[in-house]
């Protein structure tokens, strides 16, 4: 049996570390106004923080 390292995108690991150790990274899901975003897939960190900053409800 092998060992696997799994984390989500909140860890913000550098790509060099992810590749070096074969880490599986699961994108965090963010729901805003009924729409689902996947961290690093269809929303960037900058877009998320802008959304957070301008949101009337968290």
N, C-alpha and C. Protein backbone atom coordinates (compact mmCIF):
# COMPACT_ATOMS: atom_id res chain seq x y z
N UNK A 1 0.84 -1.19 0.00
CA UNK A 1 0.00 0.00 0.00
C UNK A 1 0.87 1.24 0.00
N UNK A 2 0.45 2.21 -0.79
CA UNK A 2 1.18 3.47 -0.84
C UNK A 2 0.52 4.52 0.04
N UNK A 3 1.18 5.63 0.09
CA UNK A 3 0.68 6.76 0.86
C UNK A 3 0.40 7.89 -0.13
N UNK A 4 -0.71 8.58 0.05
CA UNK A 4 -1.06 9.70 -0.81
C UNK A 4 -1.20 10.95 0.04
N UNK A 5 -0.75 12.06 -0.50
CA UNK A 5 -0.94 13.34 0.17
C UNK A 5 -2.02 14.09 -0.60
N UNK A 6 -3.05 14.50 0.12
CA UNK A 6 -4.18 15.20 -0.48
C UNK A 6 -4.45 16.46 0.35
N UNK A 7 -4.70 17.56 -0.34
CA UNK A 7 -5.03 18.81 0.33
C UNK A 7 -6.03 19.56 -0.52
N UNK A 8 -6.50 20.69 -0.04
CA UNK A 8 -7.34 21.54 -0.88
C UNK A 8 -6.58 22.81 -1.22
N UNK A 9 -7.16 23.65 -2.04
CA UNK A 9 -6.47 24.84 -2.53
C UNK A 9 -6.22 25.88 -1.45
N UNK A 10 -6.86 25.75 -0.31
CA UNK A 10 -6.62 26.69 0.78
C UNK A 10 -5.17 26.63 1.27
N UNK A 11 -4.52 25.50 1.07
CA UNK A 11 -3.13 25.34 1.50
C UNK A 11 -2.17 26.25 0.72
N UNK A 12 -2.57 26.66 -0.49
CA UNK A 12 -1.75 27.55 -1.33
C UNK A 12 -0.32 27.04 -1.51
N UNK A 13 -0.18 25.76 -1.79
CA UNK A 13 1.14 25.18 -1.97
C UNK A 13 1.74 25.62 -3.30
N UNK A 14 3.03 25.88 -3.32
CA UNK A 14 3.69 26.20 -4.59
C UNK A 14 3.66 24.99 -5.53
N UNK A 15 3.55 25.24 -6.83
CA UNK A 15 3.46 24.16 -7.80
C UNK A 15 4.68 23.24 -7.76
N UNK A 16 5.86 23.79 -7.41
CA UNK A 16 7.06 22.96 -7.32
C UNK A 16 6.91 21.88 -6.25
N UNK A 17 6.31 22.23 -5.12
CA UNK A 17 6.10 21.27 -4.03
C UNK A 17 5.05 20.24 -4.44
N UNK A 18 3.98 20.69 -5.07
CA UNK A 18 2.92 19.79 -5.53
C UNK A 18 3.49 18.74 -6.47
N UNK A 19 4.29 19.19 -7.43
CA UNK A 19 4.87 18.27 -8.41
C UNK A 19 5.93 17.36 -7.77
N UNK A 20 6.78 17.93 -6.93
CA UNK A 20 7.86 17.16 -6.32
C UNK A 20 7.34 15.98 -5.50
N UNK A 21 6.24 16.19 -4.77
CA UNK A 21 5.72 15.17 -3.88
C UNK A 21 4.47 14.47 -4.41
N UNK A 22 4.04 14.83 -5.61
CA UNK A 22 2.85 14.19 -6.20
C UNK A 22 1.59 14.42 -5.39
N UNK A 23 1.43 15.62 -4.89
CA UNK A 23 0.29 15.96 -4.04
C UNK A 23 -0.96 16.17 -4.90
N UNK A 24 -2.06 15.61 -4.45
CA UNK A 24 -3.35 15.83 -5.10
C UNK A 24 -4.01 17.03 -4.44
N UNK A 25 -4.40 18.01 -5.26
CA UNK A 25 -5.01 19.23 -4.75
C UNK A 25 -6.46 19.30 -5.22
N UNK A 26 -7.37 19.37 -4.26
CA UNK A 26 -8.80 19.44 -4.55
C UNK A 26 -9.22 20.91 -4.47
N UNK A 27 -9.87 21.45 -5.51
CA UNK A 27 -10.27 22.85 -5.47
C UNK A 27 -11.41 23.09 -4.47
N UNK A 28 -11.26 24.13 -3.68
CA UNK A 28 -12.28 24.55 -2.74
C UNK A 28 -13.47 25.07 -3.53
N UNK A 29 -14.68 24.74 -3.10
CA UNK A 29 -15.88 25.27 -3.76
C UNK A 29 -16.40 26.46 -2.99
N UNK A 30 -16.69 27.51 -3.73
CA UNK A 30 -17.20 28.75 -3.16
C UNK A 30 -18.57 28.99 -3.78
N UNK A 31 -19.58 29.21 -2.95
CA UNK A 31 -20.91 29.49 -3.45
C UNK A 31 -21.23 30.95 -3.15
N UNK A 32 -21.56 31.70 -4.21
CA UNK A 32 -21.88 33.12 -4.07
C UNK A 32 -23.08 33.43 -4.94
N UNK A 33 -24.14 33.90 -4.30
CA UNK A 33 -25.39 34.24 -5.00
C UNK A 33 -25.89 33.08 -5.86
N UNK A 34 -25.80 31.88 -5.30
CA UNK A 34 -26.30 30.69 -5.98
C UNK A 34 -25.40 30.12 -7.05
N UNK A 35 -24.29 30.76 -7.32
CA UNK A 35 -23.35 30.26 -8.33
C UNK A 35 -22.17 29.59 -7.63
N UNK A 36 -21.74 28.45 -8.16
CA UNK A 36 -20.63 27.70 -7.57
C UNK A 36 -19.35 28.00 -8.34
N UNK A 37 -18.31 28.38 -7.61
CA UNK A 37 -17.00 28.63 -8.18
C UNK A 37 -16.04 27.60 -7.61
N UNK A 38 -15.07 27.19 -8.42
CA UNK A 38 -14.04 26.25 -7.96
C UNK A 38 -12.70 26.97 -7.97
N UNK A 39 -12.12 27.10 -6.79
CA UNK A 39 -10.88 27.84 -6.59
C UNK A 39 -9.80 27.36 -7.56
N UNK A 40 -9.27 28.32 -8.34
CA UNK A 40 -8.22 28.00 -9.29
C UNK A 40 -8.71 27.42 -10.60
N UNK A 41 -10.02 27.12 -10.70
CA UNK A 41 -10.58 26.56 -11.93
C UNK A 41 -11.35 27.65 -12.68
N UNK A 42 -12.38 28.21 -12.02
CA UNK A 42 -13.15 29.25 -12.67
C UNK A 42 -13.24 30.54 -11.84
N UNK A 43 -12.33 30.67 -10.87
CA UNK A 43 -12.19 31.90 -10.12
C UNK A 43 -10.76 31.96 -9.58
N UNK A 44 -10.17 33.15 -9.66
CA UNK A 44 -8.82 33.33 -9.11
C UNK A 44 -8.92 33.85 -7.69
N UNK A 45 -7.82 33.82 -6.98
CA UNK A 45 -7.80 34.37 -5.62
C UNK A 45 -8.16 35.85 -5.63
N UNK A 46 -7.63 36.58 -6.60
CA UNK A 46 -7.92 38.01 -6.69
C UNK A 46 -9.41 38.26 -6.92
N UNK A 47 -10.02 37.46 -7.79
CA UNK A 47 -11.46 37.60 -8.04
C UNK A 47 -12.26 37.28 -6.78
N UNK A 48 -11.85 36.25 -6.05
CA UNK A 48 -12.54 35.88 -4.82
C UNK A 48 -12.47 37.01 -3.80
N UNK A 49 -11.28 37.57 -3.59
CA UNK A 49 -11.15 38.63 -2.61
C UNK A 49 -11.91 39.89 -3.01
N UNK A 50 -11.98 40.17 -4.30
CA UNK A 50 -12.79 41.30 -4.77
C UNK A 50 -14.27 41.05 -4.49
N UNK A 51 -14.72 39.82 -4.74
CA UNK A 51 -16.10 39.44 -4.46
C UNK A 51 -16.40 39.57 -2.97
N UNK A 52 -15.47 39.12 -2.16
CA UNK A 52 -15.62 39.18 -0.71
C UNK A 52 -15.69 40.63 -0.24
N UNK A 53 -14.84 41.47 -0.79
CA UNK A 53 -14.76 42.87 -0.39
C UNK A 53 -16.03 43.63 -0.75
N UNK A 54 -16.64 43.31 -1.89
CA UNK A 54 -17.79 44.06 -2.36
C UNK A 54 -19.13 43.42 -1.98
N UNK A 55 -19.12 42.25 -1.38
CA UNK A 55 -20.37 41.55 -1.05
C UNK A 55 -21.13 42.27 0.06
N UNK A 56 -22.44 42.33 -0.11
CA UNK A 56 -23.29 42.91 0.93
C UNK A 56 -23.59 41.88 2.02
N UNK A 57 -23.59 40.61 1.66
CA UNK A 57 -23.84 39.52 2.61
C UNK A 57 -22.76 38.47 2.46
N UNK A 58 -22.25 38.01 3.59
CA UNK A 58 -21.24 36.96 3.55
C UNK A 58 -21.85 35.62 3.90
